[in-house]
Amino acid sequence: MNLIEELKHDLTNEYNITKKFLKHYPSDKNDWQPHQKSMNMQNLTNHIVDLFGWPAAVFGSDHLDFAKMPKEDKKPATEQELESKLDGLYNRSMEALNHANADDLDKKWQMRHGETVINEMTKFQAFNLNTRHIGHHRAQLGVYYRLNDIPVPGTIGPSADEG
């Protein structure tokens, strides 16, 4: 089994499912949130899309420093803007995976905030953590959609809206 090819397959699968969710994105509900402590629809969806850039960060460095991450001046707010951002980040991450090899998977990688190490793991573990993170927040977005009577796309099989 070629693990790099498996990771590319997993990322592509998550990308295709996320594209289905973006097809239903309601830009008229960017500020909607189910609770005051919840992210609004726009921030949650941008976070999901941003996660597609993590594999490029993981395989292109030995750490990610949240203290040095640039702030977005204007977050994408429409289906088209979100899809364009998703495509760019996915392509960048696939390119990083195309240049990775099996030895890279065992290399250490850290999440930091300045000098504080938040987490340390192998690059393989970091990739898997990111994939689960995408699925977690996409499921959350599915709840947002359901609460707003927006069709929820299927992820593993058809949803109640597709079946």
C-alpha atoms as a PDB file:
ATOM      1  CA  MET A   1       0.000   0.000   0.000  1.00  0.00           C
ATOM      2  CA  ASN A   2       1.297   3.442  -0.936  1.00  0.00           C
ATOM      3  CA  LEU A   3       0.330   5.692   1.988  1.00  0.00           C
ATOM      4  CA  ILE A   4       0.906   8.934   0.084  1.00  0.00           C
ATOM      5  CA  GLU A   5      -1.572   7.767  -2.567  1.00  0.00           C
ATOM      6  CA  GLU A   6      -4.037   6.878   0.202  1.00  0.00           C
ATOM      7  CA  LEU A   7      -3.686  10.363   1.705  1.00  0.00           C
ATOM      8  CA  LYS A   8      -4.286  11.923  -1.706  1.00  0.00           C
ATOM      9  CA  HIS A   9      -7.370   9.736  -2.093  1.00  0.00           C
ATOM     10  CA  ASP A  10      -8.651  10.798   1.354  1.00  0.00           C
ATOM     11  CA  LEU A  11      -8.079  14.497   0.656  1.00  0.00           C
ATOM     12  CA  THR A  12      -9.802  14.213  -2.731  1.00  0.00           C
ATOM     13  CA  ASN A  13     -12.767  12.460  -1.146  1.00  0.00           C
ATOM     14  CA  GLU A  14     -13.125  15.218   1.472  1.00  0.00           C
ATOM     15  CA  TYR A  15     -12.741  17.840  -1.258  1.00  0.00           C
ATOM     16  CA  ASN A  16     -15.524  16.323  -3.391  1.00  0.00           C
ATOM     17  CA  ILE A  17     -17.910  16.089  -0.443  1.00  0.00           C
ATOM     18  CA  THR A  18     -17.132  19.667   0.590  1.00  0.00           C
ATOM     19  CA  LYS A  19     -17.779  20.897  -2.970  1.00  0.00           C
ATOM     20  CA  LYS A  20     -21.270  19.361  -2.719  1.00  0.00           C
ATOM     21  CA  PHE A  21     -21.865  21.335   0.480  1.00  0.00           C
ATOM     22  CA  LEU A  22     -20.677  24.571  -1.120  1.00  0.00           C
ATOM     23  CA  LYS A  23     -23.184  24.135  -3.971  1.00  0.00           C
ATOM     24  CA  HIS A  24     -25.887  24.771  -1.356  1.00  0.00           C
ATOM     25  CA  TYR A  25     -24.107  27.619   0.454  1.00  0.00           C
ATOM     26  CA  PRO A  26     -26.622  30.348   1.402  1.00  0.00           C
ATOM     27  CA  SER A  27     -24.757  33.654   1.125  1.00  0.00           C
ATOM     28  CA  ASP A  28     -27.858  35.407   2.437  1.00  0.00           C
ATOM     29  CA  LYS A  29     -27.234  33.634   5.768  1.00  0.00           C
ATOM     30  CA  ASN A  30     -23.553  34.517   6.285  1.00  0.00           C
ATOM     31  CA  ASP A  31     -24.221  35.927   9.749  1.00  0.00           C
ATOM     32  CA  TRP A  32     -26.605  33.171  10.882  1.00  0.00           C
ATOM     33  CA  GLN A  33     -25.522  31.171  13.913  1.00  0.00           C
ATOM     34  CA  PRO A  34     -27.522  28.695  16.006  1.00  0.00           C
ATOM     35  CA  HIS A  35     -26.183  30.049  19.314  1.00  0.00           C
ATOM     36  CA  GLN A  36     -24.217  33.099  20.411  1.00  0.00           C
ATOM     37  CA  LYS A  37     -21.199  30.892  21.212  1.00  0.00           C
ATOM     38  CA  SER A  38     -21.284  29.230  17.779  1.00  0.00           C
ATOM     39  CA  MET A  39     -19.432  30.409  14.700  1.00  0.00           C
ATOM     40  CA  ASN A  40     -21.620  32.084  12.137  1.00  0.00           C
ATOM     41  CA  MET A  41     -22.249  30.329   8.803  1.00  0.00           C
ATOM     42  CA  GLN A  42     -19.591  32.323   6.921  1.00  0.00           C
ATOM     43  CA  ASN A  43     -16.829  31.786   9.504  1.00  0.00           C
ATOM     44  CA  LEU A  44     -17.604  28.081   9.879  1.00  0.00           C
ATOM     45  CA  THR A  45     -17.568  27.512   6.127  1.00  0.00           C
ATOM     46  CA  ASN A  46     -14.342  29.484   5.703  1.00  0.00           C
ATOM     47  CA  HIS A  47     -12.763  27.424   8.477  1.00  0.00           C
ATOM     48  CA  ILE A  48     -13.699  24.200   6.670  1.00  0.00           C
ATOM     49  CA  VAL A  49     -12.239  25.534   3.425  1.00  0.00           C
ATOM     50  CA  ASP A  50      -9.074  26.759   5.192  1.00  0.00           C
ATOM     51  CA  LEU A  51      -8.432  23.255   6.485  1.00  0.00           C
ATOM     52  CA  PHE A  52      -7.759  22.111   2.920  1.00  0.00           C
ATOM     53  CA  GLY A  53      -4.552  24.145   3.057  1.00  0.00           C
ATOM     54  CA  TRP A  54      -3.196  22.281   6.065  1.00  0.00           C
ATOM     55  CA  PRO A  55      -1.614  19.373   4.164  1.00  0.00           C
ATOM     56  CA  ALA A  56       0.522  21.898   2.266  1.00  0.00           C
ATOM     57  CA  ALA A  57       1.532  23.451   5.589  1.00  0.00           C
ATOM     58  CA  VAL A  58       2.223  20.062   7.164  1.00  0.00           C
ATOM     59  CA  PHE A  59       4.329  18.698   4.320  1.00  0.00           C
ATOM     60  CA  GLY A  60       5.977  22.043   3.591  1.00  0.00           C
ATOM     61  CA  SER A  61       7.291  22.793   7.078  1.00  0.00           C
ATOM     62  CA  ASP A  62       7.999  21.346  10.497  1.00  0.00           C
ATOM     63  CA  HIS A  63       5.405  23.471  12.311  1.00  0.00           C
ATOM     64  CA  LEU A  64       2.487  25.861  12.071  1.00  0.00           C
ATOM     65  CA  ASP A  65       2.600  28.948  14.260  1.00  0.00           C
ATOM     66  CA  PHE A  66      -0.850  30.372  14.929  1.00  0.00           C
ATOM     67  CA  ALA A  67       0.745  33.578  16.224  1.00  0.00           C
ATOM     68  CA  LYS A  68       2.178  34.230  12.757  1.00  0.00           C
ATOM     69  CA  MET A  69      -0.856  33.359  10.669  1.00  0.00           C
ATOM     70  CA  PRO A  70      -2.034  36.282   8.560  1.00  0.00           C
ATOM     71  CA  LYS A  71      -5.551  37.538   9.141  1.00  0.00           C
ATOM     72  CA  GLU A  72      -7.939  37.535   6.204  1.00  0.00           C
ATOM     73  CA  ASP A  73      -9.175  41.034   5.464  1.00  0.00           C
ATOM     74  CA  LYS A  74     -12.233  39.833   3.597  1.00  0.00           C
ATOM     75  CA  LYS A  75     -13.487  36.287   3.963  1.00  0.00           C
ATOM     76  CA  PRO A  76     -15.186  34.679   0.993  1.00  0.00           C
ATOM     77  CA  ALA A  77     -18.924  35.110   1.334  1.00  0.00           C
ATOM     78  CA  THR A  78     -20.486  33.446  -1.713  1.00  0.00           C
ATOM     79  CA  GLU A  79     -20.547  29.948  -3.132  1.00  0.00           C
ATOM     80  CA  GLN A  80     -18.264  31.005  -5.984  1.00  0.00           C
ATOM     81  CA  GLU A  81     -15.715  32.729  -3.733  1.00  0.00           C
ATOM     82  CA  LEU A  82     -15.642  29.790  -1.322  1.00  0.00           C
ATOM     83  CA  GLU A  83     -15.307  27.287  -4.159  1.00  0.00           C
ATOM     84  CA  SER A  84     -12.435  29.250  -5.698  1.00  0.00           C
ATOM     85  CA  LYS A  85     -10.619  29.360  -2.366  1.00  0.00           C
ATOM     86  CA  LEU A  86     -11.258  25.633  -1.813  1.00  0.00           C
ATOM     87  CA  ASP A  87      -9.904  24.765  -5.269  1.00  0.00           C
ATOM     88  CA  GLY A  88      -6.723  26.767  -4.697  1.00  0.00           C
ATOM     89  CA  LEU A  89      -5.998  25.281  -1.269  1.00  0.00           C
ATOM     90  CA  TYR A  90      -6.813  21.744  -2.413  1.00  0.00           C
ATOM     91  CA  ASN A  91      -4.502  22.082  -5.428  1.00  0.00           C
ATOM     92  CA  ARG A  92      -1.688  23.450  -3.265  1.00  0.00           C
ATOM     93  CA  SER A  93      -2.069  20.556  -0.814  1.00  0.00           C
ATOM     94  CA  MET A  94      -2.192  17.957  -3.582  1.00  0.00           C
ATOM     95  CA  GLU A  95       1.015  19.445  -5.002  1.00  0.00           C
ATOM     96  CA  ALA A  96       2.656  19.108  -1.573  1.00  0.00           C
ATOM     97  CA  LEU A  97       1.522  15.474  -1.387  1.00  0.00           C
ATOM     98  CA  ASN A  98       2.877  14.875  -4.905  1.00  0.00           C
ATOM     99  CA  HIS A  99       6.311  15.926  -3.615  1.00  0.00           C
ATOM    100  CA  ALA A 100       6.074  13.961  -0.350  1.00  0.00           C
ATOM    101  CA  ASN A 101       7.462  10.490   0.222  1.00  0.00           C
ATOM    102  CA  ALA A 102       6.936   7.738   2.779  1.00  0.00           C
ATOM    103  CA  ASP A 103       9.851   8.963   4.930  1.00  0.00           C
ATOM    104  CA  ASP A 104       8.111  12.335   5.345  1.00  0.00           C
ATOM    105  CA  LEU A 105       5.186  10.671   7.123  1.00  0.00           C
ATOM    106  CA  ASP A 106       7.274   9.856  10.215  1.00  0.00           C
ATOM    107  CA  LYS A 107       8.806  13.324  10.552  1.00  0.00           C
ATOM    108  CA  LYS A 108       7.693  15.382  13.544  1.00  0.00           C
ATOM    109  CA  TRP A 109       5.392  18.349  13.092  1.00  0.00           C
ATOM    110  CA  GLN A 110       4.154  20.889  15.630  1.00  0.00           C
ATOM    111  CA  MET A 111       1.286  23.269  16.144  1.00  0.00           C
ATOM    112  CA  ARG A 112       2.538  26.303  18.057  1.00  0.00           C
ATOM    113  CA  HIS A 113       1.459  29.644  19.312  1.00  0.00           C
ATOM    114  CA  GLY A 114       4.716  31.542  19.417  1.00  0.00           C
ATOM    115  CA  GLU A 115       7.112  29.569  21.596  1.00  0.00           C
ATOM    116  CA  THR A 116       4.300  27.501  23.145  1.00  0.00           C
ATOM    117  CA  VAL A 117       3.988  24.051  21.587  1.00  0.00           C
ATOM    118  CA  ILE A 118       0.291  23.154  21.480  1.00  0.00           C
ATOM    119  CA  ASN A 119       0.731  19.711  19.957  1.00  0.00           C
ATOM    120  CA  GLU A 120       3.482  17.590  18.438  1.00  0.00           C
ATOM    121  CA  MET A 121       2.850  14.612  16.199  1.00  0.00           C
ATOM    122  CA  THR A 122       4.083  12.957  13.041  1.00  0.00           C
ATOM    123  CA  LYS A 123       3.116  14.454   9.708  1.00  0.00           C
ATOM    124  CA  PHE A 124       0.980  11.361   9.088  1.00  0.00           C
ATOM    125  CA  GLN A 125      -0.888  11.985  12.350  1.00  0.00           C
ATOM    126  CA  ALA A 126      -1.252  15.687  11.520  1.00  0.00           C
ATOM    127  CA  PHE A 127      -2.786  14.844   8.145  1.00  0.00           C
ATOM    128  CA  ASN A 128      -5.264  12.443   9.766  1.00  0.00           C
ATOM    129  CA  LEU A 129      -6.136  14.950  12.484  1.00  0.00           C
ATOM    130  CA  ASN A 130      -6.881  17.507   9.780  1.00  0.00           C
ATOM    131  CA  THR A 131      -9.087  15.106   7.819  1.00  0.00           C
ATOM    132  CA  ARG A 132     -11.135  14.364  10.939  1.00  0.00           C
ATOM    133  CA  HIS A 133     -11.309  18.090  11.645  1.00  0.00           C
ATOM    134  CA  ILE A 134     -12.779  18.717   8.180  1.00  0.00           C
ATOM    135  CA  GLY A 135     -15.412  16.010   8.710  1.00  0.00           C
ATOM    136  CA  HIS A 136     -16.294  17.324  12.161  1.00  0.00           C
ATOM    137  CA  HIS A 137     -16.932  20.876  10.994  1.00  0.00           C
ATOM    138  CA  ARG A 138     -18.656  19.803   7.783  1.00  0.00           C
ATOM    139  CA  ALA A 139     -21.107  17.791   9.918  1.00  0.00           C
ATOM    140  CA  GLN A 140     -21.626  20.928  11.986  1.00  0.00           C
ATOM    141  CA  LEU A 141     -22.362  22.826   8.757  1.00  0.00           C
ATOM    142  CA  GLY A 142     -24.882  20.109   7.881  1.00  0.00           C
ATOM    143  CA  VAL A 143     -26.736  20.902  11.103  1.00  0.00           C
ATOM    144  CA  TYR A 144     -26.687  24.601  10.197  1.00  0.00           C
ATOM    145  CA  TYR A 145     -28.150  23.711   6.808  1.00  0.00           C
ATOM    146  CA  ARG A 146     -30.843  21.484   8.333  1.00  0.00           C
ATOM    147  CA  LEU A 147     -31.874  24.216  10.797  1.00  0.00           C
ATOM    148  CA  ASN A 148     -32.291  26.589   7.833  1.00  0.00           C
ATOM    149  CA  ASP A 149     -34.154  24.127   5.572  1.00  0.00           C
ATOM    150  CA  ILE A 150     -31.209  23.943   3.182  1.00  0.00           C
ATOM    151  CA  PRO A 151     -30.743  20.519   1.541  1.00  0.00           C
ATOM    152  CA  VAL A 152     -27.953  18.551   3.208  1.00  0.00           C
ATOM    153  CA  PRO A 153     -25.763  16.623   0.750  1.00  0.00           C
ATOM    154  CA  GLY A 154     -24.856  13.027   1.477  1.00  0.00           C
ATOM    155  CA  THR A 155     -21.366  12.279   2.720  1.00  0.00           C
ATOM    156  CA  ILE A 156     -20.947   8.507   2.895  1.00  0.00           C
ATOM    157  CA  GLY A 157     -24.264   7.668   1.294  1.00  0.00           C
ATOM    158  CA  PRO A 158     -27.362   9.645   0.359  1.00  0.00           C
ATOM    159  CA  SER A 159     -28.835  12.044   2.890  1.00  0.00           C
ATOM    160  CA  ALA A 160     -32.536  12.364   3.725  1.00  0.00           C
ATOM    161  CA  ASP A 161     -32.624  15.129   1.099  1.00  0.00           C
ATOM    162  CA  GLU A 162     -31.185  12.922  -1.644  1.00  0.00           C
ATOM    163  CA  GLY A 163     -32.726   9.546  -0.899  1.00  0.00           C
END
